[in-house]
Amino acid sequence: MRFQMRNGVDSEFLFQRLNTMPMKNWAVSHANPAVSQASINLTELSKQPISSPTLTEQQQIGNFFKEIDNIIGLHQRKLDLLKEQKKGLLQKMFV
């Protein structure tokens, strides 16, 4: 689900931006440890300065990295299938 936040930041862009190492480190240090899955509330997040381009550029950047994530996922599934095929062929060879 994609949306534009009140401050003009695209949700997909923000998601991708939060997945960078400096932001992950910041998020871990500011996460609420009292809940079963660590989370950061919007008030805390809004205090963090995040440089961002125009909304159109944010959407393009978010789409670009989302597509890369999808491609990586497809290749990972293909790799898993090839590993299974290799395993099966090796078992047939050494019966």
PDB file of N, CA and C in Angstrom:
ATOM      1  N   MET A   1       0.845  -1.163   0.000  1.00  0.00           N
ATOM      2  CA  MET A   1       0.000   0.000   0.000  1.00  0.00           C
ATOM      3  C   MET A   1       0.900   1.239   0.000  1.00  0.00           C
ATOM      4  N   ARG A   2       0.686   2.096  -0.943  1.00  0.00           N
ATOM      5  CA  ARG A   2       1.496   3.291  -1.102  1.00  0.00           C
ATOM      6  C   ARG A   2       0.653   4.508  -0.773  1.00  0.00           C
ATOM      7  N   PHE A   3       1.249   5.467  -0.091  1.00  0.00           N
ATOM      8  CA  PHE A   3       0.528   6.689   0.222  1.00  0.00           C
ATOM      9  C   PHE A   3       1.517   7.833   0.354  1.00  0.00           C
ATOM     10  N   GLN A   4       0.995   9.028   0.308  1.00  0.00           N
ATOM     11  CA  GLN A   4       1.814  10.216   0.506  1.00  0.00           C
ATOM     12  C   GLN A   4       1.546  10.723   1.909  1.00  0.00           C
ATOM     13  N   MET A   5       2.609  10.906   2.664  1.00  0.00           N
ATOM     14  CA  MET A   5       2.458  11.383   4.034  1.00  0.00           C
ATOM     15  C   MET A   5       2.169  12.883   4.023  1.00  0.00           C
ATOM     16  N   ARG A   6       1.680  13.381   5.143  1.00  0.00           N
ATOM     17  CA  ARG A   6       1.313  14.797   5.252  1.00  0.00           C
ATOM     18  C   ARG A   6       2.464  15.742   4.945  1.00  0.00           C
ATOM     19  N   ASN A   7       3.681  15.321   5.217  1.00  0.00           N
ATOM     20  CA  ASN A   7       4.818  16.195   4.981  1.00  0.00           C
ATOM     21  C   ASN A   7       5.348  16.106   3.544  1.00  0.00           C
ATOM     22  N   GLY A   8       4.603  15.448   2.664  1.00  0.00           N
ATOM     23  CA  GLY A   8       4.986  15.374   1.253  1.00  0.00           C
ATOM     24  C   GLY A   8       5.988  14.289   0.940  1.00  0.00           C
ATOM     25  N   VAL A   9       6.155  13.311   1.829  1.00  0.00           N
ATOM     26  CA  VAL A   9       7.088  12.218   1.594  1.00  0.00           C
ATOM     27  C   VAL A   9       6.313  10.997   1.122  1.00  0.00           C
ATOM     28  N   ASP A  10       6.777  10.379   0.051  1.00  0.00           N
ATOM     29  CA  ASP A  10       6.158   9.175  -0.496  1.00  0.00           C
ATOM     30  C   ASP A  10       6.496   7.984   0.404  1.00  0.00           C
ATOM     31  N   SER A  11       5.522   7.150   0.718  1.00  0.00           N
ATOM     32  CA  SER A  11       5.721   6.045   1.657  1.00  0.00           C
ATOM     33  C   SER A  11       6.752   5.036   1.154  1.00  0.00           C
ATOM     34  N   GLU A  12       6.747   4.719  -0.129  1.00  0.00           N
ATOM     35  CA  GLU A  12       7.719   3.756  -0.671  1.00  0.00           C
ATOM     36  C   GLU A  12       9.136   4.324  -0.591  1.00  0.00           C
ATOM     37  N   PHE A  13       9.278   5.613  -0.892  1.00  0.00           N
ATOM     38  CA  PHE A  13      10.581   6.271  -0.778  1.00  0.00           C
ATOM     39  C   PHE A  13      11.064   6.209   0.671  1.00  0.00           C
ATOM     40  N   LEU A  14      10.176   6.524   1.619  1.00  0.00           N
ATOM     41  CA  LEU A  14      10.540   6.505   3.032  1.00  0.00           C
ATOM     42  C   LEU A  14      10.931   5.092   3.456  1.00  0.00           C
ATOM     43  N   PHE A  15      10.180   4.101   3.018  1.00  0.00           N
ATOM     44  CA  PHE A  15      10.500   2.709   3.347  1.00  0.00           C
ATOM     45  C   PHE A  15      11.897   2.353   2.852  1.00  0.00           C
ATOM     46  N   GLN A  16      12.194   2.692   1.594  1.00  0.00           N
ATOM     47  CA  GLN A  16      13.507   2.393   1.032  1.00  0.00           C
ATOM     48  C   GLN A  16      14.594   3.174   1.768  1.00  0.00           C
ATOM     49  N   ARG A  17      14.309   4.417   2.112  1.00  0.00           N
ATOM     50  CA  ARG A  17      15.281   5.259   2.817  1.00  0.00           C
ATOM     51  C   ARG A  17      15.566   4.696   4.206  1.00  0.00           C
ATOM     52  N   LEU A  18      14.544   4.190   4.867  1.00  0.00           N
ATOM     53  CA  LEU A  18      14.731   3.618   6.202  1.00  0.00           C
ATOM     54  C   LEU A  18      15.529   2.320   6.162  1.00  0.00           C
ATOM     55  N   ASN A  19      15.624   1.696   4.999  1.00  0.00           N
ATOM     56  CA  ASN A  19      16.385   0.452   4.870  1.00  0.00           C
ATOM     57  C   ASN A  19      17.873   0.683   4.624  1.00  0.00           C
ATOM     58  N   THR A  20      18.306   1.944   4.561  1.00  0.00           N
ATOM     59  CA  THR A  20      19.740   2.207   4.424  1.00  0.00           C
ATOM     60  C   THR A  20      20.390   2.052   5.794  1.00  0.00           C
ATOM     61  N   MET A  21      21.663   1.721   5.825  1.00  0.00           N
ATOM     62  CA  MET A  21      22.334   1.416   7.090  1.00  0.00           C
ATOM     63  C   MET A  21      22.298   2.566   8.093  1.00  0.00           C
ATOM     64  N   PRO A  22      22.582   3.817   7.714  1.00  0.00           N
ATOM     65  CA  PRO A  22      22.515   4.874   8.740  1.00  0.00           C
ATOM     66  C   PRO A  22      21.123   4.994   9.363  1.00  0.00           C
ATOM     67  N   MET A  23      20.089   4.857   8.541  1.00  0.00           N
ATOM     68  CA  MET A  23      18.727   4.963   9.068  1.00  0.00           C
ATOM     69  C   MET A  23      18.373   3.739   9.905  1.00  0.00           C
ATOM     70  N   LYS A  24      18.855   2.560   9.522  1.00  0.00           N
ATOM     71  CA  LYS A  24      18.591   1.359  10.327  1.00  0.00           C
ATOM     72  C   LYS A  24      19.208   1.517  11.703  1.00  0.00           C
ATOM     73  N   ASN A  25      20.435   2.024  11.739  1.00  0.00           N
ATOM     74  CA  ASN A  25      21.101   2.230  13.031  1.00  0.00           C
ATOM     75  C   ASN A  25      20.315   3.216  13.885  1.00  0.00           C
ATOM     76  N   TRP A  26      19.859   4.297  13.264  1.00  0.00           N
ATOM     77  CA  TRP A  26      19.062   5.284  13.995  1.00  0.00           C
ATOM     78  C   TRP A  26      17.769   4.642  14.492  1.00  0.00           C
ATOM     79  N   ALA A  27      17.105   3.887  13.619  1.00  0.00           N
ATOM     80  CA  ALA A  27      15.828   3.271  13.979  1.00  0.00           C
ATOM     81  C   ALA A  27      15.988   2.296  15.139  1.00  0.00           C
ATOM     82  N   VAL A  28      17.046   1.509  15.112  1.00  0.00           N
ATOM     83  CA  VAL A  28      17.278   0.547  16.198  1.00  0.00           C
ATOM     84  C   VAL A  28      17.479   1.288  17.522  1.00  0.00           C
ATOM     85  N   SER A  29      18.204   2.387  17.467  1.00  0.00           N
ATOM     86  CA  SER A  29      18.473   3.120  18.707  1.00  0.00           C
ATOM     87  C   SER A  29      17.239   3.866  19.229  1.00  0.00           C
ATOM     88  N   HIS A  30      16.236   4.113  18.368  1.00  0.00           N
ATOM     89  CA  HIS A  30      15.041   4.843  18.785  1.00  0.00           C
ATOM     90  C   HIS A  30      13.780   3.971  18.842  1.00  0.00           C
ATOM     91  N   ALA A  31      13.917   2.686  18.599  1.00  0.00           N
ATOM     92  CA  ALA A  31      12.748   1.802  18.582  1.00  0.00           C
ATOM     93  C   ALA A  31      12.217   1.585  19.986  1.00  0.00           C
ATOM     94  N   ASN A  32      10.925   1.333  20.062  1.00  0.00           N
ATOM     95  CA  ASN A  32      10.265   1.044  21.330  1.00  0.00           C
ATOM     96  C   ASN A  32      10.460  -0.440  21.649  1.00  0.00           C
ATOM     97  N   PRO A  33      11.309  -0.773  22.624  1.00  0.00           N
ATOM     98  CA  PRO A  33      11.581  -2.187  22.913  1.00  0.00           C
ATOM     99  C   PRO A  33      10.479  -2.863  23.725  1.00  0.00           C
ATOM    100  N   ALA A  34       9.486  -2.107  24.174  1.00  0.00           N
ATOM    101  CA  ALA A  34       8.440  -2.667  25.033  1.00  0.00           C
ATOM    102  C   ALA A  34       7.439  -3.525  24.270  1.00  0.00           C
ATOM    103  N   VAL A  35       7.419  -3.433  22.949  1.00  0.00           N
ATOM    104  CA  VAL A  35       6.470  -4.211  22.158  1.00  0.00           C
ATOM    105  C   VAL A  35       7.179  -5.424  21.563  1.00  0.00           C
ATOM    106  N   SER A  36       6.406  -6.434  21.149  1.00  0.00           N
ATOM    107  CA  SER A  36       7.007  -7.672  20.648  1.00  0.00           C
ATOM    108  C   SER A  36       7.799  -7.441  19.354  1.00  0.00           C
ATOM    109  N   GLN A  37       7.359  -6.526  18.528  1.00  0.00           N
ATOM    110  CA  GLN A  37       8.102  -6.181  17.314  1.00  0.00           C
ATOM    111  C   GLN A  37       8.476  -4.706  17.451  1.00  0.00           C
ATOM    112  N   ALA A  38       9.779  -4.438  17.471  1.00  0.00           N
ATOM    113  CA  ALA A  38      10.243  -3.066  17.671  1.00  0.00           C
ATOM    114  C   ALA A  38       9.606  -2.141  16.644  1.00  0.00           C
ATOM    115  N   SER A  39       9.208  -0.971  17.099  1.00  0.00           N
ATOM    116  CA  SER A  39       8.561  -0.019  16.202  1.00  0.00           C
ATOM    117  C   SER A  39       8.943   1.397  16.591  1.00  0.00           C
ATOM    118  N   ILE A  40       8.770   2.294  15.644  1.00  0.00           N
ATOM    119  CA  ILE A  40       9.027   3.711  15.868  1.00  0.00           C
ATOM    120  C   ILE A  40       7.735   4.438  15.565  1.00  0.00           C
ATOM    121  N   ASN A  41       7.318   5.317  16.475  1.00  0.00           N
ATOM    122  CA  ASN A  41       6.086   6.036  16.193  1.00  0.00           C
ATOM    123  C   ASN A  41       6.356   7.207  15.260  1.00  0.00           C
ATOM    124  N   LEU A  42       5.318   7.678  14.620  1.00  0.00           N
ATOM    125  CA  LEU A  42       5.433   8.725  13.614  1.00  0.00           C
ATOM    126  C   LEU A  42       5.970  10.022  14.203  1.00  0.00           C
ATOM    127  N   THR A  43       5.638  10.310  15.450  1.00  0.00           N
ATOM    128  CA  THR A  43       6.136  11.525  16.102  1.00  0.00           C
ATOM    129  C   THR A  43       7.659  11.490  16.207  1.00  0.00           C
ATOM    130  N   GLU A  44       8.184  10.341  16.636  1.00  0.00           N
ATOM    131  CA  GLU A  44       9.634  10.185  16.755  1.00  0.00           C
ATOM    132  C   GLU A  44      10.301  10.251  15.380  1.00  0.00           C
ATOM    133  N   LEU A  45       9.681   9.603  14.407  1.00  0.00           N
ATOM    134  CA  LEU A  45      10.226   9.612  13.050  1.00  0.00           C
ATOM    135  C   LEU A  45      10.222  11.008  12.454  1.00  0.00           C
ATOM    136  N   SER A  46       9.193  11.788  12.742  1.00  0.00           N
ATOM    137  CA  SER A  46       9.106  13.131  12.162  1.00  0.00           C
ATOM    138  C   SER A  46      10.177  14.067  12.721  1.00  0.00           C
ATOM    139  N   LYS A  47      10.775  13.719  13.852  1.00  0.00           N
ATOM    140  CA  LYS A  47      11.861  14.517  14.413  1.00  0.00           C
ATOM    141  C   LYS A  47      13.178  14.294  13.671  1.00  0.00           C
ATOM    142  N   GLN A  48      13.275  13.164  12.981  1.00  0.00           N
ATOM    143  CA  GLN A  48      14.502  12.812  12.264  1.00  0.00           C
ATOM    144  C   GLN A  48      14.545  13.542  10.929  1.00  0.00           C
ATOM    145  N   PRO A  49      15.568  14.370  10.699  1.00  0.00           N
ATOM    146  CA  PRO A  49      15.642  15.048   9.401  1.00  0.00           C
ATOM    147  C   PRO A  49      15.970  14.046   8.294  1.00  0.00           C
ATOM    148  N   ILE A  50      15.165  14.037   7.265  1.00  0.00           N
ATOM    149  CA  ILE A  50      15.382  13.157   6.116  1.00  0.00           C
ATOM    150  C   ILE A  50      15.382  14.040   4.877  1.00  0.00           C
ATOM    151  N   SER A  51      16.542  14.130   4.247  1.00  0.00           N
ATOM    152  CA  SER A  51      16.582  14.924   3.022  1.00  0.00           C
ATOM    153  C   SER A  51      15.856  14.151   1.932  1.00  0.00           C
ATOM    154  N   SER A  52      15.055  14.860   1.179  1.00  0.00           N
ATOM    155  CA  SER A  52      14.282  14.180   0.151  1.00  0.00           C
ATOM    156  C   SER A  52      14.093  15.086  -1.063  1.00  0.00           C
ATOM    157  N   PRO A  53      14.097  14.479  -2.236  1.00  0.00           N
ATOM    158  CA  PRO A  53      13.848  15.236  -3.463  1.00  0.00           C
ATOM    159  C   PRO A  53      12.351  15.521  -3.627  1.00  0.00           C
ATOM    160  N   THR A  54      11.965  15.996  -4.779  1.00  0.00           N
ATOM    161  CA  THR A  54      10.553  16.272  -5.035  1.00  0.00           C
ATOM    162  C   THR A  54       9.743  14.985  -4.944  1.00  0.00           C
ATOM    163  N   LEU A  55       8.435  15.124  -4.769  1.00  0.00           N
ATOM    164  CA  LEU A  55       7.570  13.953  -4.639  1.00  0.00           C
ATOM    165  C   LEU A  55       7.665  13.052  -5.870  1.00  0.00           C
ATOM    166  N   THR A  56       7.703  13.632  -7.058  1.00  0.00           N
ATOM    167  CA  THR A  56       7.817  12.832  -8.287  1.00  0.00           C
ATOM    168  C   THR A  56       9.109  12.030  -8.282  1.00  0.00           C
ATOM    169  N   GLU A  57      10.202  12.666  -7.897  1.00  0.00           N
ATOM    170  CA  GLU A  57      11.481  11.958  -7.838  1.00  0.00           C
ATOM    171  C   GLU A  57      11.462  10.886  -6.756  1.00  0.00           C
ATOM    172  N   GLN A  58      10.830  11.173  -5.630  1.00  0.00           N
ATOM    173  CA  GLN A  58      10.707  10.173  -4.569  1.00  0.00           C
ATOM    174  C   GLN A  58       9.990   8.932  -5.086  1.00  0.00           C
ATOM    175  N   GLN A  59       8.897   9.152  -5.814  1.00  0.00           N
ATOM    176  CA  GLN A  59       8.129   8.028  -6.349  1.00  0.00           C
ATOM    177  C   GLN A  59       8.970   7.224  -7.333  1.00  0.00           C
ATOM    178  N   GLN A  60       9.738   7.898  -8.173  1.00  0.00           N
ATOM    179  CA  GLN A  60      10.594   7.202  -9.130  1.00  0.00           C
ATOM    180  C   GLN A  60      11.683   6.406  -8.417  1.00  0.00           C
ATOM    181  N   ILE A  61      12.293   7.008  -7.403  1.00  0.00           N
ATOM    182  CA  ILE A  61      13.334   6.315  -6.637  1.00  0.00           C
ATOM    183  C   ILE A  61      12.732   5.122  -5.897  1.00  0.00           C
ATOM    184  N   GLY A  62      11.594   5.329  -5.260  1.00  0.00           N
ATOM    185  CA  GLY A  62      10.926   4.234  -4.551  1.00  0.00           C
ATOM    186  C   GLY A  62      10.575   3.087  -5.482  1.00  0.00           C
ATOM    187  N   ASN A  63      10.037   3.413  -6.654  1.00  0.00           N
ATOM    188  CA  ASN A  63       9.700   2.386  -7.649  1.00  0.00           C
ATOM    189  C   ASN A  63      10.942   1.638  -8.117  1.00  0.00           C
ATOM    190  N   PHE A  64      12.019   2.378  -8.342  1.00  0.00           N
ATOM    191  CA  PHE A  64      13.271   1.777  -8.816  1.00  0.00           C
ATOM    192  C   PHE A  64      13.776   0.735  -7.821  1.00  0.00           C
ATOM    193  N   PHE A  65      13.858   1.115  -6.552  1.00  0.00           N
ATOM    194  CA  PHE A  65      14.377   0.175  -5.552  1.00  0.00           C
ATOM    195  C   PHE A  65      13.399  -0.955  -5.263  1.00  0.00           C
ATOM    196  N   LYS A  66      12.114  -0.689  -5.359  1.00  0.00           N
ATOM    197  CA  LYS A  66      11.130  -1.762  -5.189  1.00  0.00           C
ATOM    198  C   LYS A  66      11.294  -2.789  -6.313  1.00  0.00           C
ATOM    199  N   GLU A  67      11.515  -2.309  -7.525  1.00  0.00           N
ATOM    200  CA  GLU A  67      11.724  -3.213  -8.667  1.00  0.00           C
ATOM    201  C   GLU A  67      13.002  -4.033  -8.478  1.00  0.00           C
ATOM    202  N   ILE A  68      14.053  -3.397  -7.972  1.00  0.00           N
ATOM    203  CA  ILE A  68      15.295  -4.137  -7.703  1.00  0.00           C
ATOM    204  C   ILE A  68      15.042  -5.215  -6.653  1.00  0.00           C
ATOM    205  N   ASP A  69      14.299  -4.881  -5.597  1.00  0.00           N
ATOM    206  CA  ASP A  69      13.956  -5.879  -4.578  1.00  0.00           C
ATOM    207  C   ASP A  69      13.190  -7.046  -5.192  1.00  0.00           C
ATOM    208  N   ASN A  70      12.261  -6.753  -6.103  1.00  0.00           N
ATOM    209  CA  ASN A  70      11.499  -7.807  -6.774  1.00  0.00           C
ATOM    210  C   ASN A  70      12.410  -8.691  -7.623  1.00  0.00           C
ATOM    211  N   ILE A  71      13.336  -8.080  -8.342  1.00  0.00           N
ATOM    212  CA  ILE A  71      14.277  -8.845  -9.179  1.00  0.00           C
ATOM    213  C   ILE A  71      15.159  -9.729  -8.310  1.00  0.00           C
ATOM    214  N   ILE A  72      15.638  -9.187  -7.205  1.00  0.00           N
ATOM    215  CA  ILE A  72      16.459  -9.986  -6.286  1.00  0.00           C
ATOM    216  C   ILE A  72      15.654 -11.179  -5.776  1.00  0.00           C
ATOM    217  N   GLY A  73      14.389 -10.959  -5.435  1.00  0.00           N
ATOM    218  CA  GLY A  73      13.533 -12.043  -4.966  1.00  0.00           C
ATOM    219  C   GLY A  73      13.346 -13.124  -6.022  1.00  0.00           C
ATOM    220  N   LEU A  74      13.144 -12.701  -7.272  1.00  0.00           N
ATOM    221  CA  LEU A  74      12.988 -13.675  -8.362  1.00  0.00           C
ATOM    222  C   LEU A  74      14.258 -14.496  -8.551  1.00  0.00           C
ATOM    223  N   HIS A  75      15.404 -13.831  -8.519  1.00  0.00           N
ATOM    224  CA  HIS A  75      16.673 -14.552  -8.686  1.00  0.00           C
ATOM    225  C   HIS A  75      16.939 -15.474  -7.506  1.00  0.00           C
ATOM    226  N   GLN A  76      16.536 -15.066  -6.313  1.00  0.00           N
ATOM    227  CA  GLN A  76      16.721 -15.920  -5.142  1.00  0.00           C
ATOM    228  C   GLN A  76      15.884 -17.192  -5.277  1.00  0.00           C
ATOM    229  N   ARG A  77      14.642 -17.036  -5.732  1.00  0.00           N
ATOM    230  CA  ARG A  77      13.790 -18.220  -5.933  1.00  0.00           C
ATOM    231  C   ARG A  77      14.376 -19.131  -7.014  1.00  0.00           C
ATOM    232  N   LYS A  78      14.902 -18.533  -8.092  1.00  0.00           N
ATOM    233  CA  LYS A  78      15.512 -19.324  -9.158  1.00  0.00           C
ATOM    234  C   LYS A  78      16.738 -20.061  -8.626  1.00  0.00           C
ATOM    235  N   LEU A  79      17.543 -19.395  -7.819  1.00  0.00           N
ATOM    236  CA  LEU A  79      18.718 -20.023  -7.223  1.00  0.00           C
ATOM    237  C   LEU A  79      18.304 -21.198  -6.343  1.00  0.00           C
ATOM    238  N   ASP A  80      17.262 -21.003  -5.539  1.00  0.00           N
ATOM    239  CA  ASP A  80      16.783 -22.082  -4.670  1.00  0.00           C
ATOM    240  C   ASP A  80      16.333 -23.291  -5.489  1.00  0.00           C
ATOM    241  N   LEU A  81      15.623 -23.039  -6.597  1.00  0.00           N
ATOM    242  CA  LEU A  81      15.182 -24.139  -7.462  1.00  0.00           C
ATOM    243  C   LEU A  81      16.366 -24.864  -8.096  1.00  0.00           C
ATOM    244  N   LEU A  82      17.364 -24.105  -8.532  1.00  0.00           N
ATOM    245  CA  LEU A  82      18.551 -24.720  -9.135  1.00  0.00           C
ATOM    246  C   LEU A  82      19.330 -25.542  -8.111  1.00  0.00           C
ATOM    247  N   LYS A  83      19.374 -25.073  -6.875  1.00  0.00           N
ATOM    248  CA  LYS A  83      20.044 -25.853  -5.824  1.00  0.00           C
ATOM    249  C   LYS A  83      19.313 -27.163  -5.584  1.00  0.00           C
ATOM    250  N   GLU A  84      17.994 -27.112  -5.592  1.00  0.00           N
ATOM    251  CA  GLU A  84      17.207 -28.343  -5.419  1.00  0.00           C
ATOM    252  C   GLU A  84      17.426 -29.293  -6.593  1.00  0.00           C
ATOM    253  N   GLN A  85      17.483 -28.733  -7.799  1.00  0.00           N
ATOM    254  CA  GLN A  85      17.723 -29.554  -8.992  1.00  0.00           C
ATOM    255  C   GLN A  85      19.107 -30.203  -8.908  1.00  0.00           C
ATOM    256  N   LYS A  86      20.103 -29.442  -8.494  1.00  0.00           N
ATOM    257  CA  LYS A  86      21.463 -29.974  -8.341  1.00  0.00           C
ATOM    258  C   LYS A  86      21.470 -31.113  -7.329  1.00  0.00           C
ATOM    259  N   LYS A  87      20.786 -30.900  -6.222  1.00  0.00           N
ATOM    260  CA  LYS A  87      20.713 -31.911  -5.174  1.00  0.00           C
ATOM    261  C   LYS A  87      20.100 -33.203  -5.712  1.00  0.00           C
ATOM    262  N   GLY A  88      19.015 -33.058  -6.468  1.00  0.00           N
ATOM    263  CA  GLY A  88      18.352 -34.218  -7.042  1.00  0.00           C
ATOM    264  C   GLY A  88      19.243 -34.956  -8.048  1.00  0.00           C
ATOM    265  N   LEU A  89      19.944 -34.200  -8.875  1.00  0.00           N
ATOM    266  CA  LEU A  89      20.842 -34.811  -9.861  1.00  0.00           C
ATOM    267  C   LEU A  89      22.007 -35.528  -9.178  1.00  0.00           C
ATOM    268  N   LEU A  90      22.546 -34.931  -8.125  1.00  0.00           N
ATOM    269  CA  LEU A  90      23.641 -35.590  -7.399  1.00  0.00           C
ATOM    270  C   LEU A  90      23.168 -36.876  -6.750  1.00  0.00           C
ATOM    271  N   GLN A  91      21.939 -36.877  -6.237  1.00  0.00           N
ATOM    272  CA  GLN A  91      21.408 -38.090  -5.633  1.00  0.00           C
ATOM    273  C   GLN A  91      21.251 -39.186  -6.676  1.00  0.00           C
ATOM    274  N   LYS A  92      20.828 -38.827  -7.895  1.00  0.00           N
ATOM    275  CA  LYS A  92      20.679 -39.822  -8.963  1.00  0.00           C
ATOM    276  C   LYS A  92      22.022 -40.359  -9.416  1.00  0.00           C
ATOM    277  N   MET A  93      23.046 -39.498  -9.399  1.00  0.00           N
ATOM    278  CA  MET A  93      24.370 -39.925  -9.849  1.00  0.00           C
ATOM    279  C   MET A  93      24.996 -40.949  -8.921  1.00  0.00           C
ATOM    280  N   PHE A  94      24.758 -40.802  -7.630  1.00  0.00           N
ATOM    281  CA  PHE A  94      25.444 -41.632  -6.662  1.00  0.00           C
ATOM    282  C   PHE A  94      24.512 -42.606  -5.939  1.00  0.00           C
ATOM    283  N   VAL A  95      23.600 -43.214  -6.698  1.00  0.00           N
ATOM    284  CA  VAL A  95      22.672 -44.202  -6.127  1.00  0.00           C
ATOM    285  C   VAL A  95      23.340 -45.553  -6.082  1.00  0.00           C
TER     286      VAL A  95
END
